[in-house]
Amino acid sequence: MMKTVRGLALVLSLLIAPFAMAAGDATAGQGKTAACAACHAADGNSPAPTFPKLAGLGEKYLLKQLQDIKSGARPIPEMTGQLDAMTDQDLADIAAYYDAQARQLSGAKEAKLDLGEKIYRGGNIHTGVPACIGCHAPSGNGNDPAGYPALGGQFADYIAKQLRAFRTAAHDPEDPAGRDNDGEAQPMRGVAARMTDQEIDAVANYIAGLKGN
């Protein structure tokens, strides 16, 4: 009986260990982001829309993107080789560190602000575009347990670029300009496929003005 108990305890410890290792350590992550700072800044608030803000984006979402970039599921030329030497624990630590940082507000322009708010909060019932708040929250804080990123305050140009990439992948899965790492349910491809350029630009601008966290 004692041997059985000990054997069960050993099996459970082996099963639990990988999950324990996957927990990110923000303090450890800070020391692993030196190279990242060149594009994303030390605190994850990139100074230019060419590179996204990572601060407060959501730990689960950040980790998935890092894993996808490393595996090639999300190809980003600027990131080629940057994560090759990183372990799963390294990626988890980096995700935890950036998520712990406060995201700075980019700010929205007045042009098409009403349209952006309409799409973000209510979608477009005529074309089947759902409201963004369902996944990204009214404040733009997202839903970290579900893996939905906090977008409030992100650069409008970057958001618009990603929406267009999802739309491209939805219409032509073979197009290298597309982005398709939103999972088997394809939530972002499904949304972006129905959006016009005007709607994409408007909602991206509105999101850039959300205070988020």
N, C-alpha and C. Protein backbone atom coordinates (compact mmCIF):
# COMPACT_ATOMS: atom_id res chain seq x y z
N MET A 1 0.84 -1.21 0.00
CA MET A 1 0.00 0.00 0.00
C MET A 1 0.87 1.25 0.00
N MET A 2 1.91 1.24 0.86
CA MET A 2 2.80 2.39 0.96
C MET A 2 3.52 2.63 -0.37
N LYS A 3 3.93 1.53 -1.04
CA LYS A 3 4.60 1.67 -2.33
C LYS A 3 3.66 2.28 -3.37
N THR A 4 2.40 1.88 -3.28
CA THR A 4 1.41 2.41 -4.23
C THR A 4 1.23 3.90 -4.04
N VAL A 5 1.14 4.33 -2.77
CA VAL A 5 0.97 5.74 -2.45
C VAL A 5 2.17 6.55 -2.95
N ARG A 6 3.38 6.00 -2.68
CA ARG A 6 4.59 6.70 -3.10
C ARG A 6 4.67 6.78 -4.63
N GLY A 7 4.24 5.70 -5.28
CA GLY A 7 4.26 5.69 -6.74
C GLY A 7 3.31 6.71 -7.31
N LEU A 8 2.12 6.82 -6.69
CA LEU A 8 1.13 7.79 -7.13
C LEU A 8 1.63 9.21 -6.92
N ALA A 9 2.30 9.43 -5.79
CA ALA A 9 2.84 10.75 -5.48
C ALA A 9 3.90 11.14 -6.50
N LEU A 10 4.73 10.16 -6.92
CA LEU A 10 5.76 10.42 -7.90
C LEU A 10 5.15 10.80 -9.24
N VAL A 11 4.12 10.05 -9.64
CA VAL A 11 3.45 10.34 -10.92
C VAL A 11 2.85 11.74 -10.91
N LEU A 12 2.17 12.07 -9.80
CA LEU A 12 1.56 13.38 -9.69
C LEU A 12 2.60 14.50 -9.73
N SER A 13 3.73 14.27 -9.07
CA SER A 13 4.77 15.29 -9.06
C SER A 13 5.33 15.51 -10.45
N LEU A 14 5.44 14.46 -11.23
CA LEU A 14 5.95 14.57 -12.59
C LEU A 14 4.95 15.28 -13.49
N LEU A 15 3.66 15.06 -13.22
CA LEU A 15 2.63 15.73 -14.01
C LEU A 15 2.54 17.20 -13.67
N ILE A 16 2.72 17.54 -12.40
CA ILE A 16 2.59 18.92 -11.95
C ILE A 16 3.80 19.74 -12.31
N ALA A 17 4.98 19.13 -12.32
CA ALA A 17 6.23 19.86 -12.54
C ALA A 17 6.23 20.72 -13.79
N PRO A 18 5.79 20.21 -14.96
CA PRO A 18 5.82 21.05 -16.15
C PRO A 18 4.97 22.30 -16.01
N PHE A 19 3.82 22.17 -15.31
CA PHE A 19 2.95 23.33 -15.13
C PHE A 19 3.58 24.34 -14.18
N ALA A 20 4.29 23.86 -13.19
CA ALA A 20 4.97 24.77 -12.26
C ALA A 20 6.05 25.55 -13.00
N MET A 21 6.77 24.86 -13.91
CA MET A 21 7.83 25.51 -14.66
C MET A 21 7.28 26.57 -15.61
N ALA A 22 6.02 26.39 -16.01
CA ALA A 22 5.42 27.30 -16.98
C ALA A 22 5.02 28.64 -16.35
N ALA A 23 4.99 28.71 -15.02
CA ALA A 23 4.62 29.95 -14.35
C ALA A 23 5.71 30.99 -14.55
N GLY A 24 5.33 32.16 -15.02
CA GLY A 24 6.31 33.19 -15.29
C GLY A 24 6.75 33.95 -14.05
N ASP A 25 8.01 34.33 -14.02
CA ASP A 25 8.58 35.11 -12.93
C ASP A 25 8.96 36.48 -13.51
N ALA A 26 8.21 37.50 -13.14
CA ALA A 26 8.44 38.84 -13.70
C ALA A 26 9.82 39.38 -13.35
N THR A 27 10.27 39.11 -12.14
CA THR A 27 11.59 39.60 -11.72
C THR A 27 12.69 38.97 -12.57
N ALA A 28 12.58 37.67 -12.80
CA ALA A 28 13.56 36.99 -13.64
C ALA A 28 13.44 37.46 -15.09
N GLY A 29 12.22 37.74 -15.49
CA GLY A 29 11.98 38.16 -16.87
C GLY A 29 12.64 39.48 -17.22
N GLN A 30 12.74 40.37 -16.25
CA GLN A 30 13.34 41.68 -16.53
C GLN A 30 14.77 41.53 -17.06
N GLY A 31 15.51 40.61 -16.49
CA GLY A 31 16.89 40.41 -16.91
C GLY A 31 17.03 39.71 -18.24
N LYS A 32 15.91 39.21 -18.76
CA LYS A 32 15.94 38.48 -20.03
C LYS A 32 15.42 39.32 -21.20
N THR A 33 15.14 40.60 -20.93
CA THR A 33 14.55 41.45 -21.97
C THR A 33 15.49 42.52 -22.50
N ALA A 34 16.78 42.40 -22.19
CA ALA A 34 17.74 43.43 -22.62
C ALA A 34 17.71 43.64 -24.13
N ALA A 35 17.69 42.55 -24.88
CA ALA A 35 17.67 42.66 -26.34
C ALA A 35 16.33 43.20 -26.85
N CYS A 36 15.26 42.90 -26.11
CA CYS A 36 13.91 43.33 -26.51
C CYS A 36 13.76 44.85 -26.43
N ALA A 37 14.50 45.45 -25.49
CA ALA A 37 14.35 46.88 -25.21
C ALA A 37 14.68 47.75 -26.41
N ALA A 38 15.53 47.26 -27.31
CA ALA A 38 15.93 48.05 -28.47
C ALA A 38 14.73 48.43 -29.33
N CYS A 39 13.73 47.56 -29.38
CA CYS A 39 12.54 47.84 -30.20
C CYS A 39 11.30 48.15 -29.36
N HIS A 40 11.18 47.48 -28.21
CA HIS A 40 9.96 47.59 -27.41
C HIS A 40 10.12 48.44 -26.16
N ALA A 41 11.32 48.98 -25.94
CA ALA A 41 11.65 49.79 -24.76
C ALA A 41 11.75 48.92 -23.52
N ALA A 42 12.46 49.40 -22.53
CA ALA A 42 12.74 48.61 -21.33
C ALA A 42 11.46 48.21 -20.59
N ASP A 43 10.44 49.07 -20.64
CA ASP A 43 9.20 48.78 -19.92
C ASP A 43 8.10 48.28 -20.84
N GLY A 44 8.44 47.97 -22.09
CA GLY A 44 7.44 47.45 -23.01
C GLY A 44 6.59 48.49 -23.69
N ASN A 45 6.89 49.78 -23.48
CA ASN A 45 6.15 50.84 -24.14
C ASN A 45 6.96 51.36 -25.32
N SER A 46 6.85 50.65 -26.42
CA SER A 46 7.60 51.00 -27.63
C SER A 46 7.36 52.46 -28.00
N PRO A 47 8.41 53.19 -28.39
CA PRO A 47 8.26 54.60 -28.76
C PRO A 47 7.75 54.80 -30.18
N ALA A 48 7.69 53.74 -30.98
CA ALA A 48 7.28 53.88 -32.39
C ALA A 48 6.24 52.82 -32.76
N PRO A 49 5.25 53.18 -33.59
CA PRO A 49 4.19 52.24 -33.96
C PRO A 49 4.67 51.07 -34.80
N THR A 50 5.91 51.12 -35.26
CA THR A 50 6.48 50.00 -36.01
C THR A 50 6.51 48.75 -35.15
N PHE A 51 6.73 48.96 -33.84
CA PHE A 51 6.80 47.85 -32.90
C PHE A 51 5.70 48.01 -31.85
N PRO A 52 4.98 46.93 -31.54
CA PRO A 52 3.85 47.05 -30.60
C PRO A 52 4.27 47.28 -29.17
N LYS A 53 3.37 47.90 -28.43
CA LYS A 53 3.55 48.01 -26.99
C LYS A 53 3.24 46.64 -26.38
N LEU A 54 4.12 46.18 -25.51
CA LEU A 54 3.94 44.89 -24.85
C LEU A 54 3.48 45.03 -23.41
N ALA A 55 3.62 46.21 -22.86
CA ALA A 55 3.29 46.45 -21.45
C ALA A 55 1.81 46.18 -21.17
N GLY A 56 1.55 45.34 -20.17
CA GLY A 56 0.19 45.09 -19.73
C GLY A 56 -0.69 44.42 -20.76
N LEU A 57 -0.08 43.75 -21.73
CA LEU A 57 -0.85 43.18 -22.84
C LEU A 57 -1.63 41.93 -22.44
N GLY A 58 -1.19 41.27 -21.36
CA GLY A 58 -1.82 40.03 -20.93
C GLY A 58 -0.80 38.92 -20.97
N GLU A 59 -0.54 38.30 -19.82
CA GLU A 59 0.53 37.31 -19.72
C GLU A 59 0.28 36.08 -20.60
N LYS A 60 -0.95 35.58 -20.58
CA LYS A 60 -1.26 34.39 -21.37
C LYS A 60 -1.11 34.68 -22.86
N TYR A 61 -1.61 35.82 -23.28
CA TYR A 61 -1.52 36.21 -24.70
C TYR A 61 -0.06 36.40 -25.11
N LEU A 62 0.70 37.11 -24.29
CA LEU A 62 2.10 37.36 -24.59
C LEU A 62 2.88 36.05 -24.73
N LEU A 63 2.64 35.13 -23.82
CA LEU A 63 3.35 33.85 -23.86
C LEU A 63 3.03 33.09 -25.15
N LYS A 64 1.77 33.08 -25.52
CA LYS A 64 1.39 32.39 -26.76
C LYS A 64 2.07 33.01 -27.97
N GLN A 65 2.11 34.35 -28.01
CA GLN A 65 2.74 35.00 -29.16
C GLN A 65 4.23 34.70 -29.21
N LEU A 66 4.88 34.72 -28.07
CA LEU A 66 6.31 34.39 -28.03
C LEU A 66 6.55 32.95 -28.50
N GLN A 67 5.71 32.05 -28.04
CA GLN A 67 5.84 30.65 -28.45
C GLN A 67 5.59 30.49 -29.95
N ASP A 68 4.58 31.20 -30.46
CA ASP A 68 4.26 31.11 -31.89
C ASP A 68 5.37 31.72 -32.75
N ILE A 69 5.95 32.81 -32.28
CA ILE A 69 7.04 33.43 -33.02
C ILE A 69 8.24 32.49 -33.07
N LYS A 70 8.54 31.89 -31.92
CA LYS A 70 9.68 30.97 -31.86
C LYS A 70 9.47 29.74 -32.75
N SER A 71 8.27 29.21 -32.77
CA SER A 71 7.97 28.00 -33.55
C SER A 71 7.79 28.29 -35.03
N GLY A 72 7.56 29.56 -35.37
CA GLY A 72 7.31 29.91 -36.76
C GLY A 72 5.85 30.00 -37.10
N ALA A 73 4.96 29.74 -36.12
CA ALA A 73 3.53 29.82 -36.37
C ALA A 73 3.09 31.25 -36.64
N ARG A 74 3.85 32.20 -36.10
CA ARG A 74 3.61 33.60 -36.40
C ARG A 74 4.93 34.21 -36.89
N PRO A 75 5.17 34.17 -38.18
CA PRO A 75 6.43 34.69 -38.71
C PRO A 75 6.50 36.21 -38.67
N ILE A 76 7.53 36.73 -38.04
CA ILE A 76 7.79 38.17 -38.00
C ILE A 76 9.26 38.36 -38.36
N PRO A 77 9.55 38.92 -39.53
CA PRO A 77 10.94 39.06 -39.99
C PRO A 77 11.87 39.71 -38.96
N GLU A 78 11.37 40.75 -38.28
CA GLU A 78 12.21 41.45 -37.31
C GLU A 78 12.57 40.58 -36.10
N MET A 79 11.80 39.53 -35.88
CA MET A 79 12.02 38.66 -34.73
C MET A 79 12.79 37.39 -35.07
N THR A 80 13.18 37.25 -36.32
CA THR A 80 13.88 36.05 -36.76
C THR A 80 15.12 35.78 -35.90
N GLY A 81 15.16 34.63 -35.29
CA GLY A 81 16.31 34.22 -34.50
C GLY A 81 16.38 34.80 -33.10
N GLN A 82 15.53 35.76 -32.78
CA GLN A 82 15.61 36.43 -31.49
C GLN A 82 15.28 35.51 -30.31
N LEU A 83 14.42 34.53 -30.56
CA LEU A 83 13.96 33.67 -29.46
C LEU A 83 14.49 32.24 -29.55
N ASP A 84 15.34 31.98 -30.50
CA ASP A 84 15.81 30.61 -30.73
C ASP A 84 16.46 29.98 -29.50
N ALA A 85 17.20 30.77 -28.76
CA ALA A 85 17.93 30.23 -27.60
C ALA A 85 17.11 30.27 -26.31
N MET A 86 15.88 30.76 -26.40
CA MET A 86 15.03 30.89 -25.22
C MET A 86 14.34 29.57 -24.87
N THR A 87 14.28 29.25 -23.59
CA THR A 87 13.53 28.09 -23.13
C THR A 87 12.07 28.50 -22.89
N ASP A 88 11.21 27.53 -22.65
CA ASP A 88 9.82 27.83 -22.32
C ASP A 88 9.74 28.69 -21.07
N GLN A 89 10.62 28.41 -20.11
CA GLN A 89 10.63 29.20 -18.87
C GLN A 89 11.06 30.64 -19.15
N ASP A 90 12.03 30.82 -20.03
CA ASP A 90 12.46 32.17 -20.41
C ASP A 90 11.29 32.95 -20.99
N LEU A 91 10.57 32.32 -21.89
CA LEU A 91 9.44 32.99 -22.54
C LEU A 91 8.35 33.33 -21.52
N ALA A 92 8.10 32.41 -20.60
CA ALA A 92 7.10 32.65 -19.56
C ALA A 92 7.52 33.82 -18.66
N ASP A 93 8.80 33.89 -18.34
CA ASP A 93 9.31 34.98 -17.50
C ASP A 93 9.20 36.33 -18.21
N ILE A 94 9.52 36.34 -19.48
CA ILE A 94 9.44 37.58 -20.27
C ILE A 94 7.99 38.04 -20.36
N ALA A 95 7.08 37.10 -20.60
CA ALA A 95 5.65 37.44 -20.68
C ALA A 95 5.17 38.02 -19.36
N ALA A 96 5.60 37.42 -18.25
CA ALA A 96 5.19 37.90 -16.93
C ALA A 96 5.73 39.30 -16.67
N TYR A 97 6.97 39.54 -17.08
CA TYR A 97 7.57 40.86 -16.85
C TYR A 97 6.84 41.94 -17.62
N TYR A 98 6.63 41.73 -18.90
CA TYR A 98 5.98 42.77 -19.70
C TYR A 98 4.53 42.99 -19.27
N ASP A 99 3.85 41.91 -18.89
CA ASP A 99 2.47 42.07 -18.45
C ASP A 99 2.38 42.89 -17.17
N ALA A 100 3.42 42.86 -16.37
CA ALA A 100 3.42 43.59 -15.09
C ALA A 100 3.68 45.08 -15.26
N GLN A 101 4.04 45.51 -16.46
CA GLN A 101 4.34 46.92 -16.69
C GLN A 101 3.08 47.70 -17.06
N ALA A 102 3.05 48.97 -16.70
CA ALA A 102 1.90 49.81 -17.02
C ALA A 102 1.97 50.28 -18.47
N ARG A 103 0.89 50.10 -19.20
CA ARG A 103 0.85 50.48 -20.61
C ARG A 103 0.53 51.97 -20.76
N GLN A 104 1.31 52.65 -21.57
CA GLN A 104 1.10 54.07 -21.81
C GLN A 104 0.07 54.27 -22.93
N LEU A 105 -0.70 55.34 -22.82
CA LEU A 105 -1.77 55.63 -23.78
C LEU A 105 -1.22 56.29 -25.04
N SER A 106 -1.58 55.76 -26.19
CA SER A 106 -1.16 56.36 -27.46
C SER A 106 -2.01 57.58 -27.80
N GLY A 107 -3.31 57.46 -27.54
CA GLY A 107 -4.21 58.56 -27.85
C GLY A 107 -4.87 58.39 -29.20
N ALA A 108 -6.10 58.88 -29.32
CA ALA A 108 -6.86 58.76 -30.55
C ALA A 108 -7.02 60.11 -31.24
N LYS A 109 -7.19 60.07 -32.54
CA LYS A 109 -7.46 61.27 -33.32
C LYS A 109 -8.97 61.45 -33.43
N GLU A 110 -9.42 62.67 -33.71
CA GLU A 110 -10.86 62.94 -33.78
C GLU A 110 -11.51 62.33 -35.00
N ALA A 111 -10.77 62.17 -36.08
CA ALA A 111 -11.34 61.66 -37.33
C ALA A 111 -11.94 60.27 -37.15
N LYS A 112 -13.21 60.12 -37.57
CA LYS A 112 -13.92 58.83 -37.53
C LYS A 112 -13.99 58.22 -36.13
N LEU A 113 -13.89 59.05 -35.11
CA LEU A 113 -13.90 58.53 -33.74
C LEU A 113 -15.26 57.91 -33.40
N ASP A 114 -16.33 58.53 -33.88
CA ASP A 114 -17.68 58.00 -33.61
C ASP A 114 -17.88 56.64 -34.26
N LEU A 115 -17.37 56.49 -35.48
CA LEU A 115 -17.50 55.20 -36.16
C LEU A 115 -16.69 54.14 -35.42
N GLY A 116 -15.51 54.51 -34.97
CA GLY A 116 -14.67 53.57 -34.24
C GLY A 116 -15.35 53.10 -32.97
N GLU A 117 -15.96 54.02 -32.24
CA GLU A 117 -16.66 53.65 -31.01
C GLU A 117 -17.86 52.75 -31.31
N LYS A 118 -18.56 53.07 -32.40
CA LYS A 118 -19.73 52.28 -32.77
C LYS A 118 -19.35 50.83 -33.06
N ILE A 119 -18.27 50.65 -33.82
CA ILE A 119 -17.82 49.30 -34.15
C ILE A 119 -17.31 48.58 -32.91
N TYR A 120 -16.51 49.27 -32.11
CA TYR A 120 -15.92 48.64 -30.93
C TYR A 120 -16.99 48.20 -29.94
N ARG A 121 -17.98 49.03 -29.73
CA ARG A 121 -19.00 48.75 -28.71
C ARG A 121 -20.20 47.98 -29.23
N GLY A 122 -20.51 48.16 -30.51
CA GLY A 122 -21.73 47.52 -31.02
C GLY A 122 -21.56 46.69 -32.27
N GLY A 123 -20.37 46.71 -32.87
CA GLY A 123 -20.15 45.97 -34.09
C GLY A 123 -20.93 46.54 -35.26
N ASN A 124 -21.17 45.73 -36.25
CA ASN A 124 -21.97 46.12 -37.42
C ASN A 124 -22.93 44.98 -37.71
N ILE A 125 -24.17 45.14 -37.28
CA ILE A 125 -25.15 44.05 -37.41
C ILE A 125 -25.48 43.75 -38.87
N HIS A 126 -25.27 44.72 -39.75
CA HIS A 126 -25.61 44.53 -41.16
C HIS A 126 -24.61 43.63 -41.88
N THR A 127 -23.38 43.63 -41.42
CA THR A 127 -22.35 42.82 -42.08
C THR A 127 -21.81 41.69 -41.20
N GLY A 128 -22.35 41.57 -39.99
CA GLY A 128 -21.95 40.48 -39.12
C GLY A 128 -20.68 40.70 -38.34
N VAL A 129 -20.25 41.96 -38.21
CA VAL A 129 -19.07 42.26 -37.41
C VAL A 129 -19.48 42.36 -35.95
N PRO A 130 -18.96 41.51 -35.07
CA PRO A 130 -19.35 41.57 -33.66
C PRO A 130 -18.65 42.71 -32.92
N ALA A 131 -19.20 43.07 -31.79
CA ALA A 131 -18.60 44.12 -30.96
C ALA A 131 -17.27 43.63 -30.39
N CYS A 132 -16.30 44.50 -30.34
CA CYS A 132 -14.98 44.15 -29.82
C CYS A 132 -14.99 43.95 -28.30
N ILE A 133 -15.95 44.61 -27.63
CA ILE A 133 -15.96 44.57 -26.16
C ILE A 133 -16.21 43.16 -25.63
N GLY A 134 -16.78 42.28 -26.46
CA GLY A 134 -17.05 40.92 -26.01
C GLY A 134 -15.79 40.18 -25.57
N CYS A 135 -14.68 40.47 -26.23
CA CYS A 135 -13.41 39.82 -25.89
C CYS A 135 -12.40 40.77 -25.25
N HIS A 136 -12.44 42.03 -25.67
CA HIS A 136 -11.39 42.97 -25.24
C HIS A 136 -11.85 43.95 -24.16
N ALA A 137 -13.10 43.80 -23.70
CA ALA A 137 -13.66 44.59 -22.59
C ALA A 137 -13.93 46.04 -23.00
N PRO A 138 -14.92 46.67 -22.37
CA PRO A 138 -15.25 48.07 -22.69
C PRO A 138 -14.07 49.02 -22.52
N SER A 139 -13.19 48.73 -21.55
CA SER A 139 -12.05 49.60 -21.28
C SER A 139 -10.84 49.28 -22.14
N GLY A 140 -10.91 48.16 -22.87
CA GLY A 140 -9.76 47.74 -23.66
C GLY A 140 -8.78 46.90 -22.88
N ASN A 141 -9.18 46.43 -21.69
CA ASN A 141 -8.29 45.65 -20.83
C ASN A 141 -8.22 44.16 -21.18
N GLY A 142 -9.02 43.73 -22.14
CA GLY A 142 -8.96 42.35 -22.56
C GLY A 142 -9.44 41.36 -21.52
N ASN A 143 -9.04 40.11 -21.68
CA ASN A 143 -9.42 39.03 -20.76
C ASN A 143 -8.24 38.07 -20.70
N ASP A 144 -7.36 38.28 -19.74
CA ASP A 144 -6.12 37.50 -19.69
C ASP A 144 -6.35 36.01 -19.49
N PRO A 145 -7.27 35.57 -18.58
CA PRO A 145 -7.48 34.13 -18.43
C PRO A 145 -7.89 33.45 -19.73
N ALA A 146 -8.62 34.18 -20.57
CA ALA A 146 -9.06 33.62 -21.85
C ALA A 146 -8.02 33.82 -22.95
N GLY A 147 -7.00 34.61 -22.66
CA GLY A 147 -5.95 34.85 -23.66
C GLY A 147 -6.27 35.96 -24.63
N TYR A 148 -7.26 36.81 -24.30
CA TYR A 148 -7.60 37.93 -25.17
C TYR A 148 -6.79 39.15 -24.73
N PRO A 149 -6.01 39.74 -25.62
CA PRO A 149 -5.09 40.81 -25.22
C PRO A 149 -5.77 42.12 -24.82
N ALA A 150 -5.10 42.86 -23.97
CA ALA A 150 -5.52 44.21 -23.61
C ALA A 150 -5.01 45.14 -24.70
N LEU A 151 -5.92 45.79 -25.41
CA LEU A 151 -5.54 46.61 -26.56
C LEU A 151 -5.56 48.10 -26.27
N GLY A 152 -6.23 48.50 -25.21
CA GLY A 152 -6.38 49.93 -24.91
C GLY A 152 -5.05 50.66 -24.87
N GLY A 153 -4.92 51.73 -25.68
CA GLY A 153 -3.70 52.52 -25.69
C GLY A 153 -2.66 52.06 -26.68
N GLN A 154 -2.90 50.92 -27.35
CA GLN A 154 -1.96 50.42 -28.34
C GLN A 154 -1.91 51.36 -29.55
N PHE A 155 -0.84 51.32 -30.30
CA PHE A 155 -0.73 52.16 -31.50
C PHE A 155 -1.83 51.81 -32.50
N ALA A 156 -2.51 52.83 -33.02
CA ALA A 156 -3.57 52.61 -34.00
C ALA A 156 -3.03 51.96 -35.26
N ASP A 157 -1.86 52.42 -35.71
CA ASP A 157 -1.28 51.85 -36.94
C ASP A 157 -1.00 50.36 -36.78
N TYR A 158 -0.53 49.97 -35.61
CA TYR A 158 -0.22 48.56 -35.37
C TYR A 158 -1.49 47.72 -35.34
N ILE A 159 -2.52 48.21 -34.66
CA ILE A 159 -3.79 47.48 -34.59
C ILE A 159 -4.37 47.30 -35.98
N ALA A 160 -4.37 48.38 -36.75
CA ALA A 160 -4.91 48.32 -38.12
C ALA A 160 -4.13 47.32 -38.97
N LYS A 161 -2.83 47.29 -38.81
CA LYS A 161 -1.99 46.36 -39.57
C LYS A 161 -2.34 44.91 -39.24
N GLN A 162 -2.57 44.62 -37.95
CA GLN A 162 -2.90 43.26 -37.55
C GLN A 162 -4.28 42.85 -38.04
N LEU A 163 -5.24 43.77 -38.00
CA LEU A 163 -6.58 43.46 -38.50
C LEU A 163 -6.55 43.16 -39.98
N ARG A 164 -5.77 43.91 -40.72
CA ARG A 164 -5.65 43.65 -42.16
C ARG A 164 -4.96 42.31 -42.43
N ALA A 165 -3.99 41.98 -41.58
CA ALA A 165 -3.30 40.70 -41.74
C ALA A 165 -4.25 39.53 -41.47
N PHE A 166 -5.10 39.67 -40.46
CA PHE A 166 -6.10 38.64 -40.18
C PHE A 166 -7.10 38.54 -41.34
N ARG A 167 -7.49 39.69 -41.87
CA ARG A 167 -8.44 39.70 -42.99
C ARG A 167 -7.83 39.02 -44.22
N THR A 168 -6.57 39.30 -44.47
CA THR A 168 -5.89 38.67 -45.60
C THR A 168 -5.88 37.15 -45.46
N ALA A 169 -5.54 36.68 -44.25
CA ALA A 169 -5.49 35.23 -44.01
C ALA A 169 -6.87 34.60 -44.14
N ALA A 170 -7.90 35.34 -43.77
CA ALA A 170 -9.26 34.81 -43.87
C ALA A 170 -9.68 34.60 -45.32
N HIS A 171 -9.28 35.51 -46.18
CA HIS A 171 -9.67 35.43 -47.59
C HIS A 171 -8.71 34.58 -48.43
N ASP A 172 -7.44 34.55 -48.02
CA ASP A 172 -6.44 33.78 -48.77
C ASP A 172 -5.44 33.17 -47.80
N PRO A 173 -5.72 31.96 -47.31
CA PRO A 173 -4.86 31.31 -46.31
C PRO A 173 -3.41 31.13 -46.76
N GLU A 174 -3.17 31.15 -48.06
CA GLU A 174 -1.82 30.93 -48.57
C GLU A 174 -1.02 32.22 -48.70
N ASP A 175 -1.65 33.35 -48.51
CA ASP A 175 -0.96 34.63 -48.65
C ASP A 175 0.01 34.83 -47.48
N PRO A 176 1.29 35.00 -47.75
CA PRO A 176 2.28 35.16 -46.68
C PRO A 176 2.09 36.44 -45.87
N ALA A 177 1.33 37.37 -46.38
CA ALA A 177 1.08 38.62 -45.66
C ALA A 177 0.00 38.46 -44.60
N GLY A 178 -0.65 37.31 -44.59
CA GLY A 178 -1.74 37.08 -43.65
C GLY A 178 -1.24 36.62 -42.29
N ARG A 179 -2.11 36.72 -41.30
CA ARG A 179 -1.82 36.24 -39.94
C ARG A 179 -2.92 35.28 -39.54
N ASP A 180 -2.54 34.07 -39.14
CA ASP A 180 -3.54 33.05 -38.86
C ASP A 180 -3.35 32.33 -37.53
N ASN A 181 -2.65 32.95 -36.59
CA ASN A 181 -2.40 32.26 -35.31
C ASN A 181 -3.41 32.64 -34.24
N ASP A 182 -4.67 32.81 -34.66
CA ASP A 182 -5.73 33.11 -33.70
C ASP A 182 -6.51 31.87 -33.29
N GLY A 183 -5.96 30.69 -33.56
CA GLY A 183 -6.58 29.46 -33.10
C GLY A 183 -7.53 28.84 -34.12
N GLU A 184 -7.96 27.61 -33.83
CA GLU A 184 -8.82 26.88 -34.75
C GLU A 184 -10.17 27.54 -34.95
N ALA A 185 -10.65 28.23 -33.91
CA ALA A 185 -11.95 28.91 -34.03
C ALA A 185 -11.89 30.15 -34.91
N GLN A 186 -10.69 30.62 -35.18
CA GLN A 186 -10.45 31.77 -36.06
C GLN A 186 -11.28 33.01 -35.69
N PRO A 187 -11.30 33.40 -34.42
CA PRO A 187 -12.13 34.55 -34.03
C PRO A 187 -11.72 35.85 -34.71
N MET A 188 -10.43 36.12 -34.80
CA MET A 188 -10.01 37.38 -35.40
C MET A 188 -10.11 37.36 -36.92
N ARG A 189 -9.83 36.22 -37.51
CA ARG A 189 -10.00 36.13 -38.96
C ARG A 189 -11.47 36.28 -39.34
N GLY A 190 -12.33 35.70 -38.52
CA GLY A 190 -13.75 35.80 -38.78
C GLY A 190 -14.28 37.22 -38.68
N VAL A 191 -13.76 37.96 -37.71
CA VAL A 191 -14.17 39.36 -37.53
C VAL A 191 -13.60 40.23 -38.64
N ALA A 192 -12.29 40.16 -38.84
CA ALA A 192 -11.62 41.03 -39.80
C ALA A 192 -12.09 40.79 -41.23
N ALA A 193 -12.49 39.56 -41.54
CA ALA A 193 -12.93 39.24 -42.90
C ALA A 193 -14.12 40.08 -43.33
N ARG A 194 -14.90 40.54 -42.35
CA ARG A 194 -16.12 41.29 -42.64
C ARG A 194 -15.93 42.82 -42.53
N MET A 195 -14.75 43.24 -42.17
CA MET A 195 -14.52 44.67 -41.92
C MET A 195 -13.97 45.39 -43.15
N THR A 196 -14.42 46.59 -43.38
CA THR A 196 -13.90 47.43 -44.46
C THR A 196 -12.65 48.15 -43.97
N ASP A 197 -11.90 48.72 -44.90
CA ASP A 197 -10.73 49.50 -44.51
C ASP A 197 -11.13 50.67 -43.61
N GLN A 198 -12.24 51.29 -43.93
CA GLN A 198 -12.71 52.42 -43.13
C GLN A 198 -13.01 51.98 -41.70
N GLU A 199 -13.66 50.85 -41.53
CA GLU A 199 -13.98 50.34 -40.20
C GLU A 199 -12.72 49.95 -39.43
N ILE A 200 -11.79 49.32 -40.11
CA ILE A 200 -10.53 48.93 -39.47
C ILE A 200 -9.78 50.14 -38.95
N ASP A 201 -9.64 51.15 -39.78
CA ASP A 201 -8.90 52.35 -39.37
C ASP A 201 -9.62 53.08 -38.23
N ALA A 202 -10.95 53.11 -38.31
CA ALA A 202 -11.73 53.83 -37.30
C ALA A 202 -11.65 53.13 -35.94
N VAL A 203 -11.82 51.81 -35.92
CA VAL A 203 -11.81 51.10 -34.65
C VAL A 203 -10.40 51.06 -34.07
N ALA A 204 -9.37 50.99 -34.92
CA ALA A 204 -8.00 51.02 -34.43
C ALA A 204 -7.69 52.35 -33.77
N ASN A 205 -8.19 53.42 -34.35
CA ASN A 205 -7.99 54.74 -33.78
C ASN A 205 -8.70 54.87 -32.45
N TYR A 206 -9.93 54.36 -32.37
CA TYR A 206 -10.69 54.42 -31.12
C TYR A 206 -9.99 53.65 -30.01
N ILE A 207 -9.50 52.47 -30.33
CA ILE A 207 -8.81 51.63 -29.35
C ILE A 207 -7.57 52.33 -28.80
N ALA A 208 -6.87 53.05 -29.68
CA ALA A 208 -5.64 53.75 -29.24
C ALA A 208 -5.93 54.78 -28.17
N GLY A 209 -7.17 55.23 -28.08
CA GLY A 209 -7.55 56.23 -27.09
C GLY A 209 -8.14 55.66 -25.82
N LEU A 210 -8.34 54.35 -25.77
CA LEU A 210 -8.87 53.73 -24.56
C LEU A 210 -7.81 53.69 -23.49
N LYS A 211 -8.18 54.00 -22.26
CA LYS A 211 -7.20 54.08 -21.18
C LYS A 211 -6.69 52.74 -20.74
N GLY A 212 -7.48 51.67 -20.98
CA GLY A 212 -7.03 50.35 -20.56
C GLY A 212 -6.72 50.34 -19.07
N ASN A 213 -5.52 49.80 -18.73
CA ASN A 213 -5.18 49.76 -17.30
C ASN A 213 -4.27 50.92 -16.93
